[in-house]
Amino acid sequence: MATADGQTQSTAAGCPVRKLAQPDDGPGPDLEHVPGPRERWRVRSHALARAVLRQPEATRQAGFGADTLNQGPVRMRPPILYQEGEQHHAQRRAAAHLLAPRVVAGYRDWMAATAERHVAQVRTDRWTDLTAITMQMAVEVTSRVIGLDHGASPRMRGRLAEFFEPVPSGGSPLTRARAALRNTAILRFYVFDVRPAIRVRRRRRGEDLISSLLDAGYTDLEILTECVTYAAAGMATTRELMTAAVWHLLDDDALLARYRGSDRDGRVAIIEEVLRVEPVVGHLLRRTTAPLTLDGPDGPVEVPAGALIELDLRAVNADERVVGDDPLAVCPARPMTRAVGPVVLAFGDGHHRCPGAPLASMEAEIFVSALLLHDDVATAGPPRVRWNDVSQGYDLTAWRVRRVGPAGSPG
């Protein structure tokens, strides 16, 4: 049941349920034609959403500003998020070794030490903004994959935080001013962070994204846009996942006890179930490049070429036909087929499925465990919730926490 502030109460069985909801998150048809000047369809079922994502010959990326890509005076190779066809497959293959299982597993000890260093900022004698700490963690991990040498720099974190600050839609002077600040932030990110890393790797390659892009002949501008793409995928989204997971655990004693009593795989399962219920990216957009037939409520529907298809991931991830009863409840043991996967479509599907999914899950488990496995933490209230118009996802900020003692202590 939704509360007045958009959060939700526990189910009758006592399971915590979705906290982050929008007014239009209610039930609706699996396939819905959205009235408007241009052809637009909305998908809410898992089967239809996966079918759309697995049609690379009939669809292309349309989210995250894809329709306006390369409209400026400078023509360039698009970042991997926007690539299609053989260009996309070649780039995925070239970067696959960076996120291979053995490479991801090799990050564990370093990430654990990094998490402990950041968690040490949460003390008993003062309140600390946890969202700033989760951002620090996410920036350092993603910087290592990208090849940015100053991931621990507060100044670089500040530049990225400024760039990721949500910009509301509209043409007001404030909106234009914020957009200008974002452009300034990305310029500073290039000058102080990306360009120095490129210079170092021109002399000596490393095991990182920038080195792979140099080997593939990318220009400095193309490398910058790829770095921004990976930063958005690996920093902003993982920060929200870590924060949302901590919020759920601190709000539910039974879930926290279960987390503390689980092994590593069990803890990952809890975090991934939070991600299923609270997908960081709320919708995905695809534009049809050829007619596409989908199963509508009254039979097959042919979606014409050029139509926009919106995949409502909050609805898809709560599809009772694949997740079972109480779809908005955080129930890590819920039975789901291997073909569906624990996060359903929170990491996407098809050729654009997030390649860093295993890294994000491991990073979140390591950080949340460092914070909560052995210590009790208090909060000064819930975090501030903002919504991103581009991803229809949430942005959690200004969440004050403090340590109150070892786990199970009187506090």
Protein backbone atom coordinates (compact mmCIF):
# COMPACT_ATOMS: atom_id res chain seq x y z
CA MET A 1 0.00 0.00 0.00
CA ALA A 2 1.43 3.38 -0.98
CA THR A 3 1.79 6.15 1.56
CA ALA A 4 1.29 9.85 0.92
CA ASP A 5 5.00 10.42 0.35
CA GLY A 6 5.25 7.71 -2.31
CA GLN A 7 6.74 5.06 0.00
CA THR A 8 5.07 1.74 0.71
CA GLN A 9 4.14 -0.16 3.85
CA SER A 10 4.96 -3.78 4.64
CA THR A 11 2.73 -6.55 3.35
CA ALA A 12 0.46 -8.51 5.65
CA ALA A 13 3.19 -11.15 5.87
CA GLY A 14 5.61 -8.56 7.23
CA CYS A 15 7.88 -8.37 4.17
CA PRO A 16 9.21 -4.91 3.31
CA VAL A 17 7.92 -3.67 -0.02
CA ARG A 18 8.77 -1.04 -2.60
CA LYS A 19 9.75 2.31 -1.12
CA LEU A 20 10.36 4.19 -4.35
CA ALA A 21 7.21 4.55 -6.41
CA GLN A 22 5.72 7.15 -8.72
CA PRO A 23 2.02 8.04 -9.11
CA ASP A 24 1.73 6.19 -12.44
CA ASP A 25 3.18 2.92 -11.09
CA GLY A 26 -0.27 1.33 -10.80
CA PRO A 27 -1.53 -1.64 -12.83
CA GLY A 28 -2.09 -1.35 -16.55
CA PRO A 29 -2.34 -3.48 -19.69
CA ASP A 30 0.63 -5.51 -20.88
CA LEU A 31 0.74 -3.50 -24.12
CA GLU A 32 -0.74 -0.03 -24.33
CA HIS A 33 -0.91 2.49 -27.15
CA VAL A 34 -0.03 5.93 -25.75
CA PRO A 35 -1.98 8.75 -27.41
CA GLY A 36 0.08 11.56 -28.85
CA PRO A 37 1.41 13.14 -32.03
CA ARG A 38 3.95 10.34 -32.54
CA GLU A 39 3.51 6.57 -32.44
CA ARG A 40 4.30 5.36 -28.89
CA TRP A 41 3.63 2.11 -27.04
CA ARG A 42 4.14 1.11 -23.39
CA VAL A 43 5.04 -2.43 -22.31
CA ARG A 44 4.45 -3.74 -18.77
CA SER A 45 4.89 -7.52 -19.06
CA HIS A 46 8.15 -9.43 -18.73
CA ALA A 47 7.52 -11.59 -21.79
CA LEU A 48 6.85 -8.63 -24.09
CA ALA A 49 9.71 -6.55 -22.69
CA ARG A 50 12.20 -9.34 -23.19
CA ALA A 51 10.87 -9.96 -26.69
CA VAL A 52 11.47 -6.31 -27.60
CA LEU A 53 14.99 -6.28 -26.10
CA ARG A 54 15.86 -9.41 -28.04
CA GLN A 55 14.90 -7.95 -31.43
CA PRO A 56 18.11 -6.14 -32.49
CA GLU A 57 17.14 -6.41 -36.17
CA ALA A 58 13.86 -4.54 -35.61
CA THR A 59 14.75 -2.07 -32.84
CA ARG A 60 17.46 0.31 -31.78
CA GLN A 61 18.39 2.19 -28.63
CA ALA A 62 16.16 5.22 -28.08
CA GLY A 63 16.81 6.06 -24.44
CA PHE A 64 19.33 8.38 -22.79
CA GLY A 65 19.13 10.95 -25.58
CA ALA A 66 19.87 8.49 -28.39
CA ASP A 67 17.56 10.26 -30.86
CA THR A 68 19.63 13.46 -30.59
CA LEU A 69 23.02 11.78 -30.89
CA ASN A 70 25.35 13.26 -33.52
CA GLN A 71 23.06 16.18 -34.31
CA GLY A 72 25.82 18.69 -33.55
CA PRO A 73 28.64 19.91 -35.82
CA VAL A 74 31.08 17.18 -34.71
CA ARG A 75 30.48 13.69 -36.10
CA MET A 76 31.91 10.88 -34.03
CA ARG A 77 31.68 7.21 -33.25
CA PRO A 78 28.84 6.71 -30.74
CA PRO A 79 29.57 5.21 -27.31
CA ILE A 80 28.73 1.56 -26.76
CA LEU A 81 25.35 2.35 -25.19
CA TYR A 82 24.12 3.69 -28.55
CA GLN A 83 25.86 1.31 -30.95
CA GLU A 84 23.97 -1.35 -32.86
CA GLY A 85 24.83 -4.26 -35.14
CA GLU A 86 28.37 -5.41 -35.79
CA GLN A 87 29.86 -2.17 -34.43
CA HIS A 88 28.23 -2.89 -31.06
CA HIS A 89 29.23 -6.56 -31.05
CA ALA A 90 32.84 -5.70 -31.89
CA GLN A 91 33.07 -3.16 -29.08
CA ARG A 92 31.49 -5.57 -26.58
CA ARG A 93 34.04 -8.23 -27.55
CA ALA A 94 36.91 -5.78 -27.27
CA ALA A 95 35.93 -4.75 -23.73
CA ALA A 96 34.72 -8.17 -22.54
CA HIS A 97 38.00 -9.04 -20.84
CA LEU A 98 37.65 -6.04 -18.50
CA LEU A 99 34.57 -7.59 -16.88
CA ALA A 100 35.37 -11.27 -17.27
CA PRO A 101 34.56 -13.39 -14.16
CA ARG A 102 38.20 -13.92 -13.21
CA VAL A 103 38.92 -10.21 -13.52
CA VAL A 104 35.86 -9.25 -11.45
CA ALA A 105 36.80 -11.83 -8.79
CA GLY A 106 40.27 -10.29 -8.66
CA TYR A 107 38.78 -6.99 -7.53
CA ARG A 108 37.27 -8.43 -4.34
CA ASP A 109 40.12 -7.90 -1.87
CA TRP A 110 40.81 -4.39 -3.16
CA MET A 111 37.12 -3.49 -3.05
CA ALA A 112 36.80 -4.84 0.48
CA ALA A 113 39.68 -2.64 1.64
CA THR A 114 38.19 0.34 -0.21
CA ALA A 115 34.78 -0.22 1.39
CA GLU A 116 36.29 -0.47 4.89
CA ARG A 117 38.13 2.81 4.33
CA HIS A 118 34.95 4.60 3.29
CA VAL A 119 32.74 3.02 5.95
CA ALA A 120 35.18 4.23 8.61
CA GLN A 121 33.74 7.71 7.98
CA VAL A 122 30.50 6.58 9.67
CA ARG A 123 31.18 7.33 13.34
CA THR A 124 29.33 7.33 16.64
CA ASP A 125 29.89 11.00 17.45
CA ARG A 126 28.43 12.65 14.34
CA TRP A 127 25.99 12.26 11.47
CA THR A 128 27.45 11.45 8.04
CA ASP A 129 25.81 11.62 4.60
CA LEU A 130 25.80 8.01 3.45
CA THR A 131 24.97 8.95 -0.15
CA ALA A 132 28.29 10.80 -0.37
CA ILE A 133 30.11 7.69 0.84
CA THR A 134 28.36 5.36 -1.59
CA MET A 135 29.28 7.77 -4.38
CA GLN A 136 32.92 7.66 -3.28
CA MET A 137 32.89 3.88 -3.39
CA ALA A 138 31.23 3.73 -6.80
CA VAL A 139 33.60 6.31 -8.29
CA GLU A 140 36.72 4.46 -7.15
CA VAL A 141 35.57 1.07 -8.43
CA THR A 142 34.42 2.36 -11.81
CA SER A 143 37.55 4.51 -12.20
CA ARG A 144 39.68 1.41 -11.87
CA VAL A 145 37.77 -0.33 -14.68
CA ILE A 146 37.87 2.76 -16.90
CA GLY A 147 41.52 3.56 -16.22
CA LEU A 148 41.12 6.90 -14.46
CA ASP A 149 44.07 7.31 -12.13
CA HIS A 150 42.52 9.67 -9.59
CA GLY A 151 39.41 7.79 -8.55
CA ALA A 152 40.05 8.61 -4.90
CA SER A 153 40.31 12.33 -5.61
CA PRO A 154 37.55 14.39 -3.93
CA ARG A 155 37.82 16.90 -6.78
CA MET A 156 37.05 14.28 -9.42
CA ARG A 157 34.13 13.01 -7.36
CA GLY A 158 32.88 16.58 -7.16
CA ARG A 159 33.09 17.02 -10.92
CA LEU A 160 31.18 13.79 -11.51
CA ALA A 161 28.59 14.55 -8.85
CA GLU A 162 27.96 17.90 -10.51
CA PHE A 163 27.59 16.25 -13.89
CA PHE A 164 25.16 13.61 -12.58
CA GLU A 165 23.00 16.17 -10.79
CA PRO A 166 19.47 15.74 -12.22
CA VAL A 167 18.41 18.56 -14.56
CA PRO A 168 14.63 19.13 -14.60
CA SER A 169 12.92 19.37 -17.95
CA GLY A 170 11.74 22.73 -19.22
CA GLY A 171 13.21 25.94 -20.56
CA SER A 172 13.44 28.07 -17.41
CA PRO A 173 16.58 30.14 -16.72
CA LEU A 174 17.38 27.82 -13.81
CA THR A 175 17.19 24.77 -16.06
CA ARG A 176 19.45 26.39 -18.66
CA ALA A 177 21.91 27.40 -15.95
CA ARG A 178 22.07 23.84 -14.62
CA ALA A 179 22.59 22.48 -18.13
CA ALA A 180 25.47 24.92 -18.61
CA LEU A 181 27.04 23.76 -15.34
CA ARG A 182 26.84 20.17 -16.55
CA ASN A 183 28.71 21.12 -19.73
CA THR A 184 31.37 22.86 -17.64
CA ALA A 185 31.67 19.83 -15.38
CA ILE A 186 32.24 17.45 -18.29
CA LEU A 187 34.88 19.78 -19.73
CA ARG A 188 36.70 19.79 -16.40
CA PHE A 189 36.33 16.00 -16.22
CA TYR A 190 38.10 15.76 -19.57
CA VAL A 191 40.87 18.24 -18.79
CA PHE A 192 41.72 17.03 -15.29
CA ASP A 193 40.82 13.34 -15.36
CA VAL A 194 40.38 11.78 -18.82
CA ARG A 195 43.09 13.55 -20.82
CA PRO A 196 45.88 12.80 -18.28
CA ALA A 197 44.84 9.13 -18.25
CA ILE A 198 44.92 9.03 -22.06
CA ARG A 199 48.44 10.48 -22.09
CA VAL A 200 49.67 7.88 -19.61
CA ARG A 201 48.18 5.01 -21.60
CA ARG A 202 49.50 6.25 -24.91
CA ARG A 203 52.93 5.60 -23.43
CA ARG A 204 52.01 2.36 -21.68
CA ARG A 205 48.81 0.38 -21.98
CA GLY A 206 47.01 -1.07 -18.96
CA GLU A 207 44.17 -3.50 -18.31
CA ASP A 208 41.44 -0.90 -18.56
CA LEU A 209 38.83 0.63 -20.86
CA ILE A 210 40.91 3.60 -22.03
CA SER A 211 43.72 1.29 -23.17
CA SER A 212 41.24 -0.85 -25.11
CA LEU A 213 39.76 2.23 -26.78
CA LEU A 214 43.20 3.50 -27.79
CA ASP A 215 43.95 0.10 -29.34
CA ALA A 216 40.68 0.41 -31.30
CA GLY A 217 41.66 3.83 -32.68
CA TYR A 218 39.24 5.98 -30.69
CA THR A 219 39.81 9.73 -30.64
CA ASP A 220 40.10 11.69 -27.41
CA LEU A 221 36.53 12.96 -27.78
CA GLU A 222 35.22 9.46 -28.41
CA ILE A 223 37.12 8.19 -25.36
CA LEU A 224 35.61 10.99 -23.26
CA THR A 225 32.06 10.07 -24.27
CA GLU A 226 32.75 6.39 -23.58
CA CYS A 227 34.16 7.28 -20.14
CA VAL A 228 31.05 9.33 -19.36
CA THR A 229 28.86 6.42 -20.47
CA TYR A 230 30.68 3.93 -18.26
CA ALA A 231 30.70 6.44 -15.40
CA ALA A 232 26.93 6.87 -15.62
CA ALA A 233 26.40 3.11 -15.78
CA GLY A 234 28.89 2.17 -13.08
CA MET A 235 28.91 5.11 -10.68
CA ALA A 236 25.49 6.74 -10.48
CA THR A 237 23.46 3.54 -10.70
CA THR A 238 25.58 1.46 -8.30
CA ARG A 239 25.53 4.27 -5.78
CA GLU A 240 21.73 4.21 -5.83
CA LEU A 241 21.66 0.41 -5.46
CA MET A 242 23.95 0.46 -2.42
CA THR A 243 21.95 3.24 -0.79
CA ALA A 244 18.57 1.62 -1.50
CA ALA A 245 19.80 -1.71 -0.11
CA VAL A 246 21.00 -0.09 3.12
CA TRP A 247 17.70 1.78 3.43
CA HIS A 248 15.68 -1.42 3.18
CA LEU A 249 17.92 -3.25 5.65
CA LEU A 250 17.88 -0.47 8.24
CA ASP A 251 14.11 -0.18 7.98
CA ASP A 252 13.42 -3.87 8.57
CA ASP A 253 15.00 -5.72 11.49
CA ALA A 254 14.04 -9.15 10.16
CA LEU A 255 15.60 -8.49 6.76
CA LEU A 256 18.76 -7.16 8.40
CA ALA A 257 18.99 -10.23 10.65
CA ARG A 258 18.58 -12.44 7.62
CA TYR A 259 21.32 -10.53 5.80
CA ARG A 260 23.71 -10.91 8.73
CA GLY A 261 22.95 -14.61 9.01
CA SER A 262 23.52 -15.33 5.30
CA ASP A 263 26.65 -16.37 3.49
CA ARG A 264 28.04 -14.25 0.66
CA ASP A 265 25.69 -15.69 -1.97
CA GLY A 266 22.73 -15.16 0.33
CA ARG A 267 23.67 -11.53 0.90
CA VAL A 268 23.99 -10.97 -2.85
CA ALA A 269 20.54 -12.52 -3.29
CA ILE A 270 19.03 -10.01 -0.85
CA ILE A 271 20.67 -7.06 -2.59
CA GLU A 272 19.58 -8.29 -6.02
CA GLU A 273 16.02 -8.73 -4.76
CA VAL A 274 16.09 -5.10 -3.60
CA LEU A 275 17.26 -4.16 -7.10
CA ARG A 276 14.40 -6.13 -8.65
CA VAL A 277 11.88 -4.29 -6.49
CA GLU A 278 13.65 -0.92 -6.81
CA PRO A 279 15.16 -0.87 -10.34
CA VAL A 280 17.56 2.07 -10.56
CA VAL A 281 16.60 2.64 -14.21
CA GLY A 282 12.82 2.79 -14.30
CA HIS A 283 12.29 2.39 -18.03
CA LEU A 284 14.11 1.54 -21.23
CA LEU A 285 13.26 2.99 -24.64
CA ARG A 286 13.57 1.36 -28.04
CA ARG A 287 12.60 2.67 -31.47
CA THR A 288 11.43 0.22 -34.08
CA THR A 289 13.43 0.10 -37.31
CA ALA A 290 11.00 -2.35 -38.91
CA PRO A 291 7.42 -3.45 -38.18
CA LEU A 292 7.32 -5.53 -34.99
CA THR A 293 4.48 -7.87 -34.02
CA LEU A 294 3.70 -8.11 -30.30
CA ASP A 295 1.00 -9.98 -28.36
CA GLY A 296 -1.56 -7.40 -27.32
CA PRO A 297 -4.46 -7.90 -24.87
CA ASP A 298 -6.82 -8.67 -27.79
CA GLY A 299 -4.42 -10.53 -30.06
CA PRO A 300 -1.32 -9.75 -32.15
CA VAL A 301 -0.51 -6.06 -32.67
CA GLU A 302 1.82 -4.78 -35.37
CA VAL A 303 3.89 -1.88 -34.09
CA PRO A 304 4.98 0.13 -37.14
CA ALA A 305 8.54 1.13 -37.97
CA GLY A 306 9.59 4.37 -36.32
CA ALA A 307 7.45 3.85 -33.20
CA LEU A 308 8.80 4.44 -29.71
CA ILE A 309 8.42 1.53 -27.28
CA GLU A 310 8.68 2.29 -23.57
CA LEU A 311 9.51 -0.68 -21.37
CA ASP A 312 8.19 0.07 -17.88
CA LEU A 313 10.76 -1.82 -15.80
CA ARG A 314 9.05 -1.17 -12.48
CA ALA A 315 5.97 -2.94 -13.83
CA VAL A 316 7.98 -5.62 -15.66
CA ASN A 317 9.97 -6.49 -12.53
CA ALA A 318 6.71 -6.87 -10.62
CA ASP A 319 5.05 -9.16 -13.17
CA GLU A 320 3.39 -11.84 -11.01
CA ARG A 321 3.59 -14.35 -13.85
CA VAL A 322 7.36 -14.56 -13.39
CA VAL A 323 7.99 -13.37 -9.81
CA GLY A 324 4.97 -14.88 -8.05
CA ASP A 325 2.86 -13.49 -5.24
CA ASP A 326 3.56 -10.19 -3.47
CA PRO A 327 5.62 -8.89 -6.42
CA LEU A 328 6.48 -5.62 -4.64
CA ALA A 329 7.81 -7.40 -1.54
CA VAL A 330 11.52 -7.97 -0.92
CA CYS A 331 11.53 -11.78 -0.71
CA PRO A 332 15.01 -13.11 -1.58
CA ALA A 333 13.89 -16.77 -1.57
CA ARG A 334 11.12 -16.31 -4.12
CA PRO A 335 11.26 -19.08 -6.74
CA MET A 336 12.00 -17.91 -10.25
CA THR A 337 13.19 -19.83 -13.27
CA ARG A 338 16.83 -19.60 -14.27
CA ALA A 339 15.76 -18.06 -17.57
CA VAL A 340 14.31 -15.06 -15.73
CA GLY A 341 17.12 -14.37 -13.26
CA PRO A 342 16.94 -12.80 -9.79
CA VAL A 343 16.84 -9.15 -10.88
CA VAL A 344 14.42 -9.86 -13.78
CA LEU A 345 15.20 -6.98 -16.22
CA ALA A 346 16.85 -4.50 -13.82
CA PHE A 347 20.13 -5.00 -15.73
CA GLY A 348 18.37 -5.03 -19.11
CA ASP A 349 18.43 -7.91 -21.55
CA GLY A 350 19.55 -8.78 -25.04
CA HIS A 351 22.60 -7.29 -26.69
CA HIS A 352 22.48 -4.15 -24.52
CA ARG A 353 22.31 -6.02 -21.20
CA CYS A 354 24.60 -4.35 -18.65
CA PRO A 355 28.03 -6.03 -18.95
CA GLY A 356 29.00 -4.86 -15.46
CA ALA A 357 26.12 -6.58 -13.65
CA PRO A 358 28.32 -9.10 -11.72
CA LEU A 359 30.68 -6.30 -10.69
CA ALA A 360 27.81 -4.10 -9.47
CA SER A 361 26.28 -6.92 -7.39
CA MET A 362 29.64 -7.80 -5.84
CA GLU A 363 30.49 -4.17 -5.13
CA ALA A 364 27.13 -3.57 -3.45
CA GLU A 365 27.43 -6.68 -1.27
CA ILE A 366 30.95 -5.76 -0.20
CA PHE A 367 30.01 -2.20 0.74
CA VAL A 368 26.74 -3.05 2.51
CA SER A 369 28.48 -5.83 4.45
CA ALA A 370 31.30 -3.53 5.52
CA LEU A 371 28.72 -1.08 6.84
CA LEU A 372 26.13 -3.36 8.45
CA LEU A 373 27.46 -6.87 9.01
CA HIS A 374 29.08 -6.16 12.37
CA ASP A 375 27.76 -2.74 13.40
CA ASP A 376 24.42 -1.17 14.15
CA VAL A 377 23.68 2.07 12.31
CA ALA A 378 21.04 4.70 13.09
CA THR A 379 19.46 7.19 10.70
CA ALA A 380 18.15 10.72 11.14
CA GLY A 381 15.19 9.97 8.88
CA PRO A 382 14.80 8.73 5.30
CA PRO A 383 16.96 9.99 2.42
CA ARG A 384 15.71 12.70 0.11
CA VAL A 385 14.25 11.15 -3.06
CA ARG A 386 14.51 12.82 -6.45
CA TRP A 387 13.54 11.45 -9.86
CA ASN A 388 15.62 11.48 -13.03
CA ASP A 389 13.57 12.43 -16.10
CA VAL A 390 16.00 10.65 -18.44
CA SER A 391 16.06 7.21 -16.82
CA GLN A 392 12.82 7.49 -14.82
CA GLY A 393 14.99 6.31 -11.96
CA TYR A 394 15.54 7.55 -8.46
CA ASP A 395 18.29 9.68 -6.97
CA LEU A 396 18.82 9.34 -3.20
CA THR A 397 20.62 12.19 -1.42
CA ALA A 398 21.15 13.81 1.97
CA TRP A 399 20.79 10.66 4.09
CA ARG A 400 22.35 11.14 7.51
CA VAL A 401 23.53 8.06 9.39
CA ARG A 402 25.79 7.30 12.34
CA ARG A 403 27.23 4.20 13.96
CA VAL A 404 25.68 3.26 17.33
CA GLY A 405 27.83 0.26 18.32
CA PRO A 406 28.51 -3.38 17.52
CA ALA A 407 25.64 -5.38 16.03
CA GLY A 408 23.24 -6.49 18.74
CA SER A 409 24.52 -4.04 21.35
CA PRO A 410 22.02 -1.97 23.37
CA GLY A 411 23.18 1.08 21.41
